[in-house]
C-alpha atoms as a PDB file:
ATOM      1  CA  MET A   1      18.187  -1.060  21.307  1.00  0.00           C
ATOM      2  CA  VAL A   2      16.555  -0.051  18.222  1.00  0.00           C
ATOM      3  CA  ARG A   3      16.229   2.254  15.537  1.00  0.00           C
ATOM      4  CA  LEU A   4      13.801   4.485  15.950  1.00  0.00           C
ATOM      5  CA  GLN A   5      11.854   4.288  12.434  1.00  0.00           C
ATOM      6  CA  LYS A   6      12.075   0.454  13.229  1.00  0.00           C
ATOM      7  CA  PHE A   7      10.411   0.621  16.571  1.00  0.00           C
ATOM      8  CA  LEU A   8       7.890   2.922  15.238  1.00  0.00           C
ATOM      9  CA  ALA A   9       7.100   0.720  12.415  1.00  0.00           C
ATOM     10  CA  GLU A  10       6.975  -2.378  14.525  1.00  0.00           C
ATOM     11  CA  ALA A  11       4.502  -0.823  16.923  1.00  0.00           C
ATOM     12  CA  GLY A  12       2.209  -0.193  13.848  1.00  0.00           C
ATOM     13  CA  VAL A  13       2.395   3.831  13.527  1.00  0.00           C
ATOM     14  CA  ALA A  14       3.144   3.272  10.125  1.00  0.00           C
ATOM     15  CA  SER A  15       5.293   2.325   7.511  1.00  0.00           C
ATOM     16  CA  ARG A  16       8.849   2.571   8.028  1.00  0.00           C
ATOM     17  CA  ARG A  17       9.348   4.846   5.459  1.00  0.00           C
ATOM     18  CA  LYS A  18       6.585   7.275   6.596  1.00  0.00           C
ATOM     19  CA  CYS A  19       8.147   6.673  10.115  1.00  0.00           C
ATOM     20  CA  GLU A  20      11.454   8.487   8.835  1.00  0.00           C
ATOM     21  CA  GLU A  21       9.395  11.255   7.489  1.00  0.00           C
ATOM     22  CA  LEU A  22       7.608  11.836  11.165  1.00  0.00           C
ATOM     23  CA  ILE A  23      10.909  12.202  12.746  1.00  0.00           C
ATOM     24  CA  LYS A  24      12.173  14.163  10.629  1.00  0.00           C
ATOM     25  CA  ALA A  25       9.160  16.391  10.475  1.00  0.00           C
ATOM     26  CA  GLY A  26      10.056  17.073  14.108  1.00  0.00           C
ATOM     27  CA  LEU A  27       6.837  14.970  15.754  1.00  0.00           C
ATOM     28  CA  VAL A  28       8.088  12.735  17.471  1.00  0.00           C
ATOM     29  CA  LYS A  29       9.759  13.005  20.881  1.00  0.00           C
ATOM     30  CA  VAL A  30      11.714  10.407  22.956  1.00  0.00           C
ATOM     31  CA  ASN A  31      11.644  11.120  26.723  1.00  0.00           C
ATOM     32  CA  GLY A  32      10.061  14.379  26.175  1.00  0.00           C
ATOM     33  CA  ARG A  33      13.050  15.439  23.661  1.00  0.00           C
ATOM     34  CA  VAL A  34      11.483  16.390  19.989  1.00  0.00           C
ATOM     35  CA  ILE A  35      14.107  13.694  17.755  1.00  0.00           C
ATOM     36  CA  THR A  36      14.762  14.778  13.998  1.00  0.00           C
ATOM     37  CA  ARG A  37      17.631  12.475  13.727  1.00  0.00           C
ATOM     38  CA  LEU A  38      16.845   9.252  11.773  1.00  0.00           C
ATOM     39  CA  GLY A  39      20.018   6.831  13.153  1.00  0.00           C
ATOM     40  CA  THR A  40      18.952   7.616  16.684  1.00  0.00           C
ATOM     41  CA  ARG A  41      18.762   4.479  19.035  1.00  0.00           C
ATOM     42  CA  VAL A  42      15.531   3.741  21.872  1.00  0.00           C
ATOM     43  CA  ASP A  43      15.347   0.818  23.869  1.00  0.00           C
ATOM     44  CA  PRO A  44      11.851  -0.222  23.900  1.00  0.00           C
ATOM     45  CA  ALA A  45      11.245  -1.225  27.255  1.00  0.00           C
ATOM     46  CA  ALA A  46      12.818   1.644  29.341  1.00  0.00           C
ATOM     47  CA  ASP A  47      12.386   4.885  26.927  1.00  0.00           C
ATOM     48  CA  ARG A  48       9.214   6.867  26.641  1.00  0.00           C
ATOM     49  CA  VAL A  49       8.066   7.359  22.866  1.00  0.00           C
ATOM     50  CA  GLU A  50       5.599   9.411  21.472  1.00  0.00           C
ATOM     51  CA  VAL A  51       4.125  10.730  18.290  1.00  0.00           C
ATOM     52  CA  ALA A  52       2.320  14.054  17.885  1.00  0.00           C
ATOM     53  CA  GLY A  53       1.635  13.694  21.476  1.00  0.00           C
ATOM     54  CA  ARG A  54       0.347  10.022  21.935  1.00  0.00           C
ATOM     55  CA  PRO A  55       2.641   7.359  23.297  1.00  0.00           C
ATOM     56  CA  VAL A  56       3.775   4.715  21.247  1.00  0.00           C
ATOM     57  CA  GLU A  57       4.030   1.097  22.340  1.00  0.00           C
ATOM     58  CA  ARG A  58       5.422  -2.076  20.641  1.00  0.00           C
ATOM     59  CA  ALA A  59       2.365  -3.717  18.695  1.00  0.00           C
ATOM     60  CA  ALA A  60       1.409  -6.833  20.905  1.00  0.00           C
ATOM     61  CA  GLU A  61      -0.680  -8.883  17.846  1.00  0.00           C
ATOM     62  CA  LYS A  62       0.368  -8.488  13.822  1.00  0.00           C
ATOM     63  CA  VAL A  63      -2.837  -8.051  11.585  1.00  0.00           C
ATOM     64  CA  TYR A  64      -3.306  -8.510   8.147  1.00  0.00           C
ATOM     65  CA  ILE A  65      -6.401  -6.712   6.132  1.00  0.00           C
ATOM     66  CA  LEU A  66      -7.424  -7.072   2.840  1.00  0.00           C
ATOM     67  CA  LEU A  67      -9.629  -4.265   2.077  1.00  0.00           C
ATOM     68  CA  HIS A  68     -12.249  -3.634  -1.093  1.00  0.00           C
ATOM     69  CA  LYS A  69     -11.481   0.082  -1.467  1.00  0.00           C
ATOM     70  CA  PRO A  70     -14.749   2.023  -2.743  1.00  0.00           C
ATOM     71  CA  ALA A  71     -14.088   5.200  -4.910  1.00  0.00           C
ATOM     72  CA  GLY A  72     -14.477   7.953  -3.016  1.00  0.00           C
ATOM     73  CA  TYR A  73     -12.207   6.922   0.170  1.00  0.00           C
ATOM     74  CA  VAL A  74      -8.784   8.700   0.572  1.00  0.00           C
ATOM     75  CA  THR A  75      -6.182   6.204   1.734  1.00  0.00           C
ATOM     76  CA  THR A  76      -5.023   8.214   4.552  1.00  0.00           C
ATOM     77  CA  ALA A  77      -5.794   7.720   8.146  1.00  0.00           C
ATOM     78  CA  ARG A  78      -7.264  11.787   8.345  1.00  0.00           C
ATOM     79  CA  ASP A  79      -7.923  14.107   5.459  1.00  0.00           C
ATOM     80  CA  PRO A  80      -7.661  17.773   5.650  1.00  0.00           C
ATOM     81  CA  GLN A  81     -10.550  18.059   3.628  1.00  0.00           C
ATOM     82  CA  GLY A  82     -13.051  16.092   5.546  1.00  0.00           C
ATOM     83  CA  ARG A  83     -13.228  13.157   3.034  1.00  0.00           C
ATOM     84  CA  PRO A  84     -13.992   9.690   4.193  1.00  0.00           C
ATOM     85  CA  THR A  85     -10.634   7.374   4.843  1.00  0.00           C
ATOM     86  CA  VAL A  86     -10.410   3.904   4.334  1.00  0.00           C
ATOM     87  CA  LEU A  87     -10.149   3.941   7.846  1.00  0.00           C
ATOM     88  CA  ASP A  88     -13.717   4.870   8.241  1.00  0.00           C
ATOM     89  CA  LEU A  89     -14.204   1.252   6.338  1.00  0.00           C
ATOM     90  CA  VAL A  90     -12.395  -0.636   9.394  1.00  0.00           C
ATOM     91  CA  ARG A  91     -13.825   1.021  12.467  1.00  0.00           C
ATOM     92  CA  ASP A  92     -14.559  -2.107  14.230  1.00  0.00           C
ATOM     93  CA  VAL A  93     -10.854  -3.505  14.293  1.00  0.00           C
ATOM     94  CA  PRO A  94      -9.468  -2.573  18.127  1.00  0.00           C
ATOM     95  CA  GLN A  95      -5.826  -2.449  16.535  1.00  0.00           C
ATOM     96  CA  ARG A  96      -4.192   0.581  15.251  1.00  0.00           C
ATOM     97  CA  ILE A  97      -3.563  -0.056  11.326  1.00  0.00           C
ATOM     98  CA  PHE A  98      -2.360   2.084   8.138  1.00  0.00           C
ATOM     99  CA  PRO A  99      -2.724   1.411   4.774  1.00  0.00           C
ATOM    100  CA  VAL A 100       0.200  -0.243   2.595  1.00  0.00           C
ATOM    101  CA  GLY A 101       0.456   2.311  -0.326  1.00  0.00           C
ATOM    102  CA  ARG A 102      -1.823   4.556  -1.715  1.00  0.00           C
ATOM    103  CA  LEU A 103      -4.931   4.219  -4.307  1.00  0.00           C
ATOM    104  CA  ASP A 104      -6.270   7.675  -5.863  1.00  0.00           C
ATOM    105  CA  CYS A 105      -9.561   8.800  -4.198  1.00  0.00           C
ATOM    106  CA  ASP A 106     -11.455   8.046  -7.597  1.00  0.00           C
ATOM    107  CA  THR A 107      -9.415   4.476  -7.464  1.00  0.00           C
ATOM    108  CA  GLU A 108     -11.042   1.027  -6.337  1.00  0.00           C
ATOM    109  CA  GLY A 109      -9.956  -1.564  -5.639  1.00  0.00           C
ATOM    110  CA  LEU A 110      -7.539  -4.250  -3.405  1.00  0.00           C
ATOM    111  CA  LEU A 111      -5.887  -2.270  -0.397  1.00  0.00           C
ATOM    112  CA  LEU A 112      -3.969  -4.115   2.451  1.00  0.00           C
ATOM    113  CA  LEU A 113      -4.479  -2.611   5.697  1.00  0.00           C
ATOM    114  CA  THR A 114      -1.167  -3.833   8.681  1.00  0.00           C
ATOM    115  CA  ASN A 115       0.038  -2.970  11.375  1.00  0.00           C
ATOM    116  CA  ASP A 116       3.237  -4.680  10.499  1.00  0.00           C
ATOM    117  CA  GLY A 117       5.418  -2.004   9.397  1.00  0.00           C
ATOM    118  CA  GLU A 118       8.295  -3.668   7.996  1.00  0.00           C
ATOM    119  CA  LEU A 119       6.017  -5.856   5.854  1.00  0.00           C
ATOM    120  CA  ALA A 120       4.694  -2.718   4.374  1.00  0.00           C
ATOM    121  CA  HIS A 121       7.959  -1.122   3.651  1.00  0.00           C
ATOM    122  CA  ALA A 122       9.186  -4.113   1.910  1.00  0.00           C
ATOM    123  CA  LEU A 123       5.733  -4.420  -0.192  1.00  0.00           C
ATOM    124  CA  THR A 124       6.331  -1.201  -1.322  1.00  0.00           C
ATOM    125  CA  HIS A 125       9.629  -0.440  -2.115  1.00  0.00           C
ATOM    126  CA  PRO A 126      10.279  -0.903  -5.768  1.00  0.00           C
ATOM    127  CA  ARG A 127      13.501  -2.942  -5.067  1.00  0.00           C
ATOM    128  CA  HIS A 128      10.953  -5.888  -4.245  1.00  0.00           C
ATOM    129  CA  GLU A 129       9.123  -5.495  -7.207  1.00  0.00           C
ATOM    130  CA  VAL A 130       6.159  -6.990  -5.617  1.00  0.00           C
ATOM    131  CA  LYS A 131       3.532  -7.128  -8.711  1.00  0.00           C
ATOM    132  CA  LYS A 132       0.435  -5.324  -8.633  1.00  0.00           C
ATOM    133  CA  THR A 133      -2.427  -5.659 -11.254  1.00  0.00           C
ATOM    134  CA  TYR A 134      -4.966  -3.443 -12.391  1.00  0.00           C
ATOM    135  CA  LEU A 135      -7.934  -3.181 -14.685  1.00  0.00           C
ATOM    136  CA  ALA A 136      -7.818   0.372 -16.457  1.00  0.00           C
ATOM    137  CA  TRP A 137     -11.151   1.159 -18.816  1.00  0.00           C
ATOM    138  CA  VAL A 138      -9.585   3.731 -20.839  1.00  0.00           C
ATOM    139  CA  ARG A 139     -10.788   6.300 -23.518  1.00  0.00           C
ATOM    140  CA  GLY A 140     -10.471   5.057 -27.126  1.00  0.00           C
ATOM    141  CA  PHE A 141      -9.149   1.818 -28.856  1.00  0.00           C
ATOM    142  CA  PRO A 142      -5.492   1.540 -28.347  1.00  0.00           C
ATOM    143  CA  GLU A 143      -3.428   0.403 -31.277  1.00  0.00           C
ATOM    144  CA  ALA A 144      -1.290  -2.711 -30.233  1.00  0.00           C
ATOM    145  CA  SER A 145       2.078  -0.611 -31.210  1.00  0.00           C
ATOM    146  CA  ARG A 146       0.953   1.660 -28.411  1.00  0.00           C
ATOM    147  CA  LEU A 147       0.352  -1.119 -25.721  1.00  0.00           C
ATOM    148  CA  ALA A 148       4.076  -2.162 -26.549  1.00  0.00           C
ATOM    149  CA  ARG A 149       5.102   0.472 -25.828  1.00  0.00           C
ATOM    150  CA  MET A 150       3.906   0.717 -22.402  1.00  0.00           C
ATOM    151  CA  GLU A 151       5.395  -3.130 -22.434  1.00  0.00           C
ATOM    152  CA  LYS A 152       9.076  -1.978 -22.681  1.00  0.00           C
ATOM    153  CA  GLY A 153       8.761   1.350 -20.449  1.00  0.00           C
ATOM    154  CA  LEU A 154       7.678   4.796 -20.811  1.00  0.00           C
ATOM    155  CA  PRO A 155       9.672   7.822 -19.990  1.00  0.00           C
ATOM    156  CA  LEU A 156       7.542   9.200 -17.436  1.00  0.00           C
ATOM    157  CA  SER A 157       8.572  12.921 -15.814  1.00  0.00           C
ATOM    158  CA  ASP A 158       9.931  10.979 -13.124  1.00  0.00           C
ATOM    159  CA  GLY A 159      12.366   8.460 -14.946  1.00  0.00           C
ATOM    160  CA  ALA A 160      11.529   5.711 -17.315  1.00  0.00           C
ATOM    161  CA  THR A 161       9.037   3.361 -16.723  1.00  0.00           C
ATOM    162  CA  ALA A 162       9.946  -0.338 -15.494  1.00  0.00           C
ATOM    163  CA  PRO A 163       8.574  -3.021 -18.539  1.00  0.00           C
ATOM    164  CA  ALA A 164       4.796  -3.642 -17.618  1.00  0.00           C
ATOM    165  CA  ALA A 165       2.426  -6.832 -18.241  1.00  0.00           C
ATOM    166  CA  VAL A 166      -0.263  -5.264 -20.238  1.00  0.00           C
ATOM    167  CA  ARG A 167      -3.902  -7.364 -22.453  1.00  0.00           C
ATOM    168  CA  LEU A 168      -6.719  -5.707 -23.721  1.00  0.00           C
ATOM    169  CA  LYS A 169      -9.280  -7.798 -21.979  1.00  0.00           C
ATOM    170  CA  GLY A 170     -12.261  -6.027 -23.806  1.00  0.00           C
ATOM    171  CA  LYS A 171     -14.214  -2.912 -25.917  1.00  0.00           C
ATOM    172  CA  ASN A 172     -17.482  -1.236 -25.427  1.00  0.00           C
ATOM    173  CA  LYS A 173     -18.774   1.941 -27.324  1.00  0.00           C
ATOM    174  CA  LYS A 174     -16.483   3.942 -25.059  1.00  0.00           C
ATOM    175  CA  GLY A 175     -13.278   2.428 -25.190  1.00  0.00           C
ATOM    176  CA  ALA A 176     -11.085  -0.418 -23.919  1.00  0.00           C
ATOM    177  CA  LEU A 177     -10.430  -2.324 -20.994  1.00  0.00           C
ATOM    178  CA  LEU A 178      -6.664  -3.293 -20.134  1.00  0.00           C
ATOM    179  CA  GLU A 179      -5.349  -5.337 -17.499  1.00  0.00           C
ATOM    180  CA  ILE A 180      -1.912  -3.791 -16.545  1.00  0.00           C
ATOM    181  CA  THR A 181       0.192  -5.150 -13.907  1.00  0.00           C
ATOM    182  CA  ILE A 182       3.615  -3.208 -12.651  1.00  0.00           C
ATOM    183  CA  HIS A 183       5.855  -3.575  -9.972  1.00  0.00           C
ATOM    184  CA  GLU A 184       6.529   0.225  -9.401  1.00  0.00           C
ATOM    185  CA  GLY A 185       4.288   2.137  -6.775  1.00  0.00           C
ATOM    186  CA  ARG A 186       4.927   5.734  -8.194  1.00  0.00           C
ATOM    187  CA  LYS A 187       1.909   8.220  -7.789  1.00  0.00           C
ATOM    188  CA  ARG A 188      -0.520   7.923 -10.260  1.00  0.00           C
ATOM    189  CA  GLN A 189       1.358   5.518 -12.317  1.00  0.00           C
ATOM    190  CA  VAL A 190      -1.237   3.437 -14.387  1.00  0.00           C
ATOM    191  CA  LYS A 191      -2.555   7.024 -14.962  1.00  0.00           C
ATOM    192  CA  ARG A 192       0.075   8.717 -16.191  1.00  0.00           C
ATOM    193  CA  MET A 193       1.261   5.749 -18.724  1.00  0.00           C
ATOM    194  CA  CYS A 194      -2.405   5.591 -20.261  1.00  0.00           C
ATOM    195  CA  ALA A 195      -2.510   9.634 -20.662  1.00  0.00           C
ATOM    196  CA  LEU A 196       0.931   8.985 -22.159  1.00  0.00           C
ATOM    197  CA  ILE A 197      -0.215   6.775 -24.914  1.00  0.00           C
ATOM    198  CA  GLY A 198      -3.149   9.069 -25.279  1.00  0.00           C
ATOM    199  CA  HIS A 199      -6.109   6.664 -23.495  1.00  0.00           C
ATOM    200  CA  PRO A 200      -6.505   8.570 -20.463  1.00  0.00           C
ATOM    201  CA  VAL A 201      -8.092   6.220 -17.454  1.00  0.00           C
ATOM    202  CA  GLU A 202     -11.791   6.507 -16.938  1.00  0.00           C
ATOM    203  CA  ARG A 203     -12.010   4.252 -14.209  1.00  0.00           C
ATOM    204  CA  LEU A 204      -9.244   2.033 -12.252  1.00  0.00           C
ATOM    205  CA  LYS A 205     -10.003  -0.740 -10.168  1.00  0.00           C
ATOM    206  CA  ARG A 206      -6.349  -2.803  -8.492  1.00  0.00           C
ATOM    207  CA  ILE A 207      -7.757  -6.682  -8.668  1.00  0.00           C
ATOM    208  CA  ARG A 208      -4.078  -8.300  -7.086  1.00  0.00           C
ATOM    209  CA  LEU A 209      -1.239  -7.515  -5.038  1.00  0.00           C
ATOM    210  CA  GLY A 210       1.459 -10.009  -4.839  1.00  0.00           C
ATOM    211  CA  SER A 211      -0.661 -13.730  -4.411  1.00  0.00           C
ATOM    212  CA  LEU A 212      -3.617 -11.844  -3.182  1.00  0.00           C
ATOM    213  CA  SER A 213      -6.898 -11.218  -5.334  1.00  0.00           C
ATOM    214  CA  LEU A 214     -10.046  -9.808  -4.268  1.00  0.00           C
ATOM    215  CA  GLY A 215     -11.961 -12.677  -4.481  1.00  0.00           C
ATOM    216  CA  GLY A 216     -15.312 -12.399  -3.422  1.00  0.00           C
ATOM    217  CA  LEU A 217     -15.162  -8.895  -1.536  1.00  0.00           C
ATOM    218  CA  LYS A 218     -17.718  -6.153  -2.316  1.00  0.00           C
ATOM    219  CA  PRO A 219     -17.016  -2.867  -2.296  1.00  0.00           C
ATOM    220  CA  GLY A 220     -16.276  -1.654   1.750  1.00  0.00           C
ATOM    221  CA  GLN A 221     -15.788  -5.506   2.914  1.00  0.00           C
ATOM    222  CA  TYR A 222     -12.546  -6.689   3.966  1.00  0.00           C
ATOM    223  CA  ARG A 223     -11.655 -10.107   5.667  1.00  0.00           C
ATOM    224  CA  PHE A 224      -8.503 -10.686   7.679  1.00  0.00           C
ATOM    225  CA  LEU A 225      -5.946 -12.345   5.868  1.00  0.00           C
ATOM    226  CA  THR A 226      -5.551 -15.867   6.856  1.00  0.00           C
ATOM    227  CA  GLY A 227      -2.271 -17.086   8.221  1.00  0.00           C
ATOM    228  CA  ARG A 228      -0.854 -18.831   5.638  1.00  0.00           C
ATOM    229  CA  GLU A 229      -2.024 -15.884   3.134  1.00  0.00           C
ATOM    230  CA  ALA A 230       0.364 -13.331   5.484  1.00  0.00           C
ATOM    231  CA  GLU A 231       2.817 -15.907   5.492  1.00  0.00           C
ATOM    232  CA  GLU A 232       3.272 -16.139   1.686  1.00  0.00           C
ATOM    233  CA  LEU A 233       3.053 -12.821   1.285  1.00  0.00           C
ATOM    234  CA  LYS A 234       6.642 -11.919   3.728  1.00  0.00           C
ATOM    235  CA  LYS A 235       8.096 -15.324   1.848  1.00  0.00           C
ATOM    236  CA  LEU A 236       7.468 -13.118  -1.713  1.00  0.00           C
ATOM    237  CA  ALA A 237       9.261  -9.995   0.080  1.00  0.00           C
ATOM    238  CA  LEU A 238      12.472 -11.727   1.094  1.00  0.00           C
ATOM    239  CA  GLN A 239      12.262 -13.903  -1.868  1.00  0.00           C
ATOM    240  CA  ASN A 240      12.764 -10.639  -4.243  1.00  0.00           C
ATOM    241  CA  GLY A 241      15.201  -8.662  -2.265  1.00  0.00           C
ATOM    242  CA  GLY A 242      13.496  -7.925   1.438  1.00  0.00           C
ATOM    243  CA  ARG A 243      15.993  -7.637   4.532  1.00  0.00           C
ATOM    244  CA  GLY A 244      12.916  -7.407   7.300  1.00  0.00           C
ATOM    245  CA  LYS A 245      12.174  -9.983   9.755  1.00  0.00           C
ATOM    246  CA  PHE A 246       8.212 -10.028  10.298  1.00  0.00           C
ATOM    247  CA  CYS A 247       6.694 -11.247  13.287  1.00  0.00           C
ATOM    248  CA  ARG A 248       4.781 -14.104  13.014  1.00  0.00           C
ATOM    249  CA  ASN A 249       1.721 -13.432  14.909  1.00  0.00           C
ATOM    250  CA  SER A 250      -0.594 -12.887  12.013  1.00  0.00           C
ATOM    251  CA  SER A 251      -4.534 -13.024  12.302  1.00  0.00           C
ATOM    252  CA  PRO A 252      -5.992 -16.168  11.040  1.00  0.00           C
ATOM    253  CA  ARG A 253      -9.366 -14.943  10.487  1.00  0.00           C
ATOM    254  CA  GLY A 254     -10.842 -15.231   7.283  1.00  0.00           C
ATOM    255  CA  GLU A 255     -14.320 -13.802   7.628  1.00  0.00           C
ATOM    256  CA  LYS A 256     -15.668 -10.429   5.392  1.00  0.00           C
ATOM    257  CA  ARG A 257     -17.306  -7.724   7.312  1.00  0.00           C
ATOM    258  CA  LYS A 258     -19.368  -5.016   6.262  1.00  0.00           C
END
């Protein structure tokens, strides 16, 4: 027997946190009965589980995809406003996958997609301190004292941020280019931090996640992680406090797509 939210995550429905939200919203049925209690346990071999009317089966193969997300795509499976989603860029992947964390519609850069819910949970939980690096083109020219404030932590509306690593990478006529590394994953965090020191973000791009970087991927292109890359990500999550048990059946493919 296994907890329902863990079964859904391992089946590739979504991250464990998102699966908990689906259960609480009444979108999950077990043997025809709506389940809203998170502690519910199921027998994957005997129980029939459905999400929004669709049957769920344990994922046979774990896949890990690195996508260079272009601006203009939303990081969800569906969008009520009809905007294109990141899943539109990986239509030829047969497995049911989902994005790990989110990038705003106008933000571009590195996005991981997978059907490994346990790894997704570990990578996005702030306790595990997985580093994310961004390039931020900001308005104006921030003084060193303002960047130092960002490095020490800023008082946002949802609490003070953890210390960040900030480097001035360059300048042009309109503003400055900053490289910012954080390990939290709050909504619009980098944009809110820059706005608070008086230098709003004009353009934002994520270039690294843990041990992964964009490499030569162009916007809209993706590739499968190698087995070694997938294992390094899992080790990173475990080293930083992860408790999950990750599947070792990762895709060895590494070709670029689109």
